[in-house]
Amino acid sequence: MELIEKYFGEELSPLQRERFARLYDLYGGWNARINVVSRKDFDRLYERHVLHSLAIARVCRFGAGARILDVGCGGGFPGIPLAILFPQARFTLADSIGKKISVVRGVSGALSLENVVPVHGRAEEIDAQFDYVVSRAVTRMKEFVGWVWNRIEPGQQGTLPAGILYLKGGDLREELAETGKRYTLYDIPDFFEEEFFETKKVVYLPR
């Protein structure tokens, strides 16, 4: 929690602090049954998963009523930390693996996150429109864009126009060139000074 306080403490309400603080025990309980977070680095949950997810908030602030789809959310990253930070936005967390969505249901239910809707299914099967799509490195960018591009409704419901916000590491220029889309790369070390983020980026593709 010290990391969350360090970077976001000034903007958190008591309820948001409580929800962030409960993530460790909630994920610890679920992880004992379903390995959704690597056990070897679970003690660094806040740095490698919660704070990593919140890097998206350093690039785009979601407005009230913004519709966000988290594709391949796993146990709830980046969607659940973002849903805590932006309680007035609406989050759909989708994953094709049922047991991972069980974790999302359990964690979001325990935290009373009424702005989270868990969906067991693939992105291509979701028949709805969104303002933003977020994800953490589920596949190559060209394939990912193909899954979600037509699910994004042009407009602006945050500090950036509608589009994709994708968390990934390494040199992404060749991979992004394959998409044929405009993009901006944001280096996460510009937001957070922790060593883990040395090569991590937020990729933004405006719709």
Protein backbone atom coordinates (compact mmCIF):
# COMPACT_ATOMS: atom_id res chain seq x y z
CA MET A 1 0.00 0.00 0.00
CA GLU A 2 2.93 2.35 0.52
CA LEU A 3 3.40 2.48 -3.26
CA ILE A 4 -0.23 3.41 -3.87
CA GLU A 5 -0.04 6.12 -1.22
CA LYS A 6 3.24 7.37 -2.69
CA TYR A 7 1.84 7.97 -6.17
CA PHE A 8 -1.91 8.38 -5.66
CA GLY A 9 -2.39 9.17 -1.98
CA GLU A 10 -3.45 12.78 -2.45
CA GLU A 11 -6.47 11.85 -4.58
CA LEU A 12 -7.80 8.81 -2.71
CA SER A 13 -10.93 8.83 -0.55
CA PRO A 14 -11.06 6.71 2.63
CA LEU A 15 -13.17 4.12 0.76
CA GLN A 16 -10.67 3.91 -2.09
CA ARG A 17 -7.81 3.47 0.41
CA GLU A 18 -9.71 0.69 2.12
CA ARG A 19 -10.38 -1.07 -1.18
CA PHE A 20 -6.77 -0.86 -2.32
CA ALA A 21 -5.57 -2.08 1.08
CA ARG A 22 -7.84 -5.13 0.94
CA LEU A 23 -6.49 -6.33 -2.40
CA TYR A 24 -3.51 -8.14 -0.87
CA ASP A 25 -5.57 -10.41 1.40
CA LEU A 26 -8.31 -10.92 -1.19
CA TYR A 27 -5.89 -12.00 -3.90
CA GLY A 28 -3.92 -14.03 -1.37
CA GLY A 29 -7.03 -16.03 -0.54
CA TRP A 30 -7.94 -16.62 -4.16
CA ASN A 31 -4.35 -17.38 -5.15
CA ALA A 32 -4.24 -20.23 -2.64
CA ARG A 33 -6.97 -21.89 -4.73
CA ILE A 34 -6.40 -20.57 -8.25
CA ASN A 35 -2.97 -19.42 -9.40
CA VAL A 36 -3.94 -16.10 -10.97
CA VAL A 37 -0.89 -14.17 -9.76
CA SER A 38 2.58 -15.70 -9.97
CA ARG A 39 3.33 -17.08 -6.51
CA LYS A 40 7.01 -16.23 -6.81
CA ASP A 41 6.29 -12.50 -6.92
CA PHE A 42 3.02 -12.32 -4.99
CA ASP A 43 4.72 -10.27 -2.27
CA ARG A 44 5.22 -7.58 -4.93
CA LEU A 45 1.53 -7.56 -5.87
CA TYR A 46 1.19 -3.80 -5.45
CA GLU A 47 4.18 -2.97 -7.62
CA ARG A 48 3.88 -5.57 -10.37
CA HIS A 49 0.11 -5.71 -10.70
CA VAL A 50 -1.75 -2.89 -8.93
CA LEU A 51 0.62 0.00 -9.66
CA HIS A 52 1.38 -1.40 -13.12
CA SER A 53 -2.36 -1.32 -13.87
CA LEU A 54 -2.61 2.25 -12.63
CA ALA A 55 0.00 3.43 -15.13
CA ILE A 56 -2.97 3.73 -17.50
CA ALA A 57 -4.40 6.39 -15.19
CA ARG A 58 -1.24 8.45 -15.71
CA VAL A 59 -1.98 8.49 -19.45
CA CYS A 60 -5.77 8.88 -19.44
CA ARG A 61 -8.25 9.93 -16.76
CA PHE A 62 -11.60 8.29 -17.40
CA GLY A 63 -14.65 10.53 -17.13
CA ALA A 64 -17.94 9.81 -15.36
CA GLY A 65 -19.90 7.30 -17.41
CA ALA A 66 -16.94 6.24 -19.55
CA ARG A 67 -17.28 2.64 -20.77
CA ILE A 68 -14.07 0.61 -20.48
CA LEU A 69 -13.50 -2.96 -21.67
CA ASP A 70 -10.63 -4.94 -20.11
CA VAL A 71 -9.74 -7.77 -22.52
CA GLY A 72 -8.02 -10.85 -21.12
CA CYS A 73 -8.33 -9.46 -17.62
CA GLY A 74 -7.08 -12.60 -15.88
CA GLY A 75 -7.80 -12.14 -12.18
CA GLY A 76 -8.72 -8.50 -12.69
CA PHE A 77 -5.73 -6.50 -13.93
CA PRO A 78 -5.74 -3.73 -15.00
CA GLY A 79 -9.53 -3.46 -14.61
CA ILE A 80 -10.05 -3.76 -10.85
CA PRO A 81 -7.41 -1.20 -9.76
CA LEU A 82 -8.74 1.19 -12.41
CA ALA A 83 -12.32 0.60 -11.27
CA ILE A 84 -11.31 1.50 -7.71
CA LEU A 85 -9.61 4.68 -8.89
CA PHE A 86 -12.45 5.71 -11.24
CA PRO A 87 -15.69 4.76 -9.45
CA GLN A 88 -17.83 6.86 -11.82
CA ALA A 89 -16.62 4.96 -14.91
CA ARG A 90 -18.08 1.60 -15.98
CA PHE A 91 -15.80 -1.41 -16.45
CA THR A 92 -16.47 -4.67 -18.29
CA LEU A 93 -13.81 -7.27 -17.44
CA ALA A 94 -13.67 -10.14 -19.92
CA ASP A 95 -11.67 -13.35 -19.99
CA SER A 96 -12.17 -16.65 -21.83
CA ILE A 97 -11.08 -18.69 -18.78
CA GLY A 98 -13.95 -19.22 -16.35
CA LYS A 99 -11.92 -19.67 -13.18
CA LYS A 100 -10.24 -16.31 -13.71
CA ILE A 101 -13.60 -14.61 -14.04
CA SER A 102 -14.58 -16.34 -10.78
CA VAL A 103 -11.73 -14.44 -9.14
CA VAL A 104 -12.92 -11.16 -10.68
CA ARG A 105 -16.44 -11.81 -9.39
CA GLY A 106 -15.14 -12.69 -5.95
CA VAL A 107 -12.80 -9.71 -5.58
CA SER A 108 -15.16 -7.12 -7.08
CA GLY A 109 -18.03 -8.50 -5.00
CA ALA A 110 -16.02 -8.41 -1.76
CA LEU A 111 -15.13 -4.78 -2.49
CA SER A 112 -18.70 -3.86 -3.53
CA LEU A 113 -17.43 -2.51 -6.85
CA GLU A 114 -20.77 -1.79 -8.49
CA ASN A 115 -19.01 -0.37 -11.57
CA VAL A 116 -17.50 -3.76 -12.54
CA VAL A 117 -19.25 -6.31 -14.78
CA PRO A 118 -17.36 -9.63 -15.14
CA VAL A 119 -17.87 -11.45 -18.47
CA HIS A 120 -16.79 -15.02 -19.25
CA GLY A 121 -16.06 -14.88 -22.96
CA ARG A 122 -13.80 -13.71 -25.73
CA ALA A 123 -13.54 -10.09 -26.82
CA GLU A 124 -14.85 -10.92 -30.30
CA GLU A 125 -18.07 -12.26 -28.78
CA ILE A 126 -18.97 -9.12 -26.82
CA ASP A 127 -21.72 -7.25 -28.63
CA ALA A 128 -21.35 -3.76 -27.14
CA GLN A 129 -19.58 -0.48 -27.73
CA PHE A 130 -16.95 1.06 -25.47
CA ASP A 131 -15.04 4.29 -25.15
CA TYR A 132 -11.75 2.66 -24.17
CA VAL A 133 -10.22 -0.82 -24.31
CA VAL A 134 -7.47 -1.70 -21.83
CA SER A 135 -5.30 -4.79 -21.50
CA ARG A 136 -1.98 -6.21 -20.34
CA ALA A 137 0.01 -7.90 -23.09
CA VAL A 138 -2.45 -10.64 -24.04
CA THR A 139 -1.24 -10.99 -27.65
CA ARG A 140 0.54 -9.13 -30.45
CA MET A 141 -0.84 -5.69 -31.15
CA LYS A 142 -2.07 -6.41 -34.69
CA GLU A 143 -4.20 -9.31 -33.51
CA PHE A 144 -5.47 -7.37 -30.52
CA VAL A 145 -6.49 -4.39 -32.65
CA GLY A 146 -8.39 -6.79 -34.91
CA TRP A 147 -10.34 -8.11 -31.94
CA VAL A 148 -11.47 -4.78 -30.50
CA TRP A 149 -11.22 -1.94 -33.02
CA ASN A 150 -14.87 -2.06 -34.05
CA ARG A 151 -15.92 -2.23 -30.39
CA ILE A 152 -14.59 1.30 -29.79
CA GLU A 153 -17.00 4.18 -30.37
CA PRO A 154 -15.22 7.35 -31.53
CA GLY A 155 -15.59 10.26 -29.12
CA GLN A 156 -14.03 11.39 -25.86
CA GLN A 157 -15.07 10.31 -22.37
CA GLY A 158 -11.81 11.12 -20.64
CA THR A 159 -8.68 13.20 -21.00
CA LEU A 160 -7.84 11.42 -24.28
CA PRO A 161 -10.05 10.55 -27.25
CA ALA A 162 -11.51 7.03 -27.33
CA GLY A 163 -9.02 4.27 -28.08
CA ILE A 164 -6.84 1.43 -26.82
CA LEU A 165 -4.57 1.66 -23.75
CA TYR A 166 -2.27 -1.36 -23.68
CA LEU A 167 0.40 -2.30 -21.13
CA LYS A 168 3.45 -4.04 -22.55
CA GLY A 169 7.24 -4.13 -22.29
CA GLY A 170 10.14 -4.10 -24.71
CA ASP A 171 10.69 -2.52 -28.11
CA LEU A 172 7.24 -2.37 -29.70
CA ARG A 173 7.84 -0.27 -32.81
CA GLU A 174 7.88 -3.14 -35.32
CA GLU A 175 4.87 -4.78 -33.71
CA LEU A 176 2.94 -1.51 -33.71
CA ALA A 177 3.86 -0.74 -37.33
CA GLU A 178 2.02 -3.95 -38.30
CA THR A 179 -1.25 -2.49 -37.03
CA GLY A 180 -1.22 0.40 -39.54
CA LYS A 181 -2.65 2.64 -36.80
CA ARG A 182 -1.43 5.86 -35.26
CA TYR A 183 -0.02 5.39 -31.77
CA THR A 184 1.80 7.04 -28.90
CA LEU A 185 4.18 5.26 -26.52
CA TYR A 186 4.42 6.34 -22.89
CA ASP A 187 7.36 5.09 -20.82
CA ILE A 188 6.10 4.02 -17.39
CA PRO A 189 9.39 5.05 -15.66
CA ASP A 190 8.30 8.62 -16.46
CA PHE A 191 5.42 8.06 -14.02
CA PHE A 192 6.83 5.64 -11.44
CA GLU A 193 10.45 5.34 -10.39
CA GLU A 194 10.32 1.69 -9.27
CA GLU A 195 12.95 -0.52 -10.96
CA PHE A 196 10.36 -3.04 -12.19
CA PHE A 197 9.07 -0.56 -14.78
CA GLU A 198 12.39 -0.04 -16.58
CA THR A 199 11.16 -1.33 -19.97
CA LYS A 200 7.40 -1.11 -19.45
CA LYS A 201 5.16 1.09 -21.60
CA VAL A 202 1.59 2.23 -22.05
CA VAL A 203 0.63 2.08 -25.72
CA TYR A 204 -2.17 4.42 -26.80
CA LEU A 205 -3.95 3.96 -30.12
CA PRO A 206 -6.65 6.62 -30.71
CA ARG A 207 -9.78 5.42 -32.46
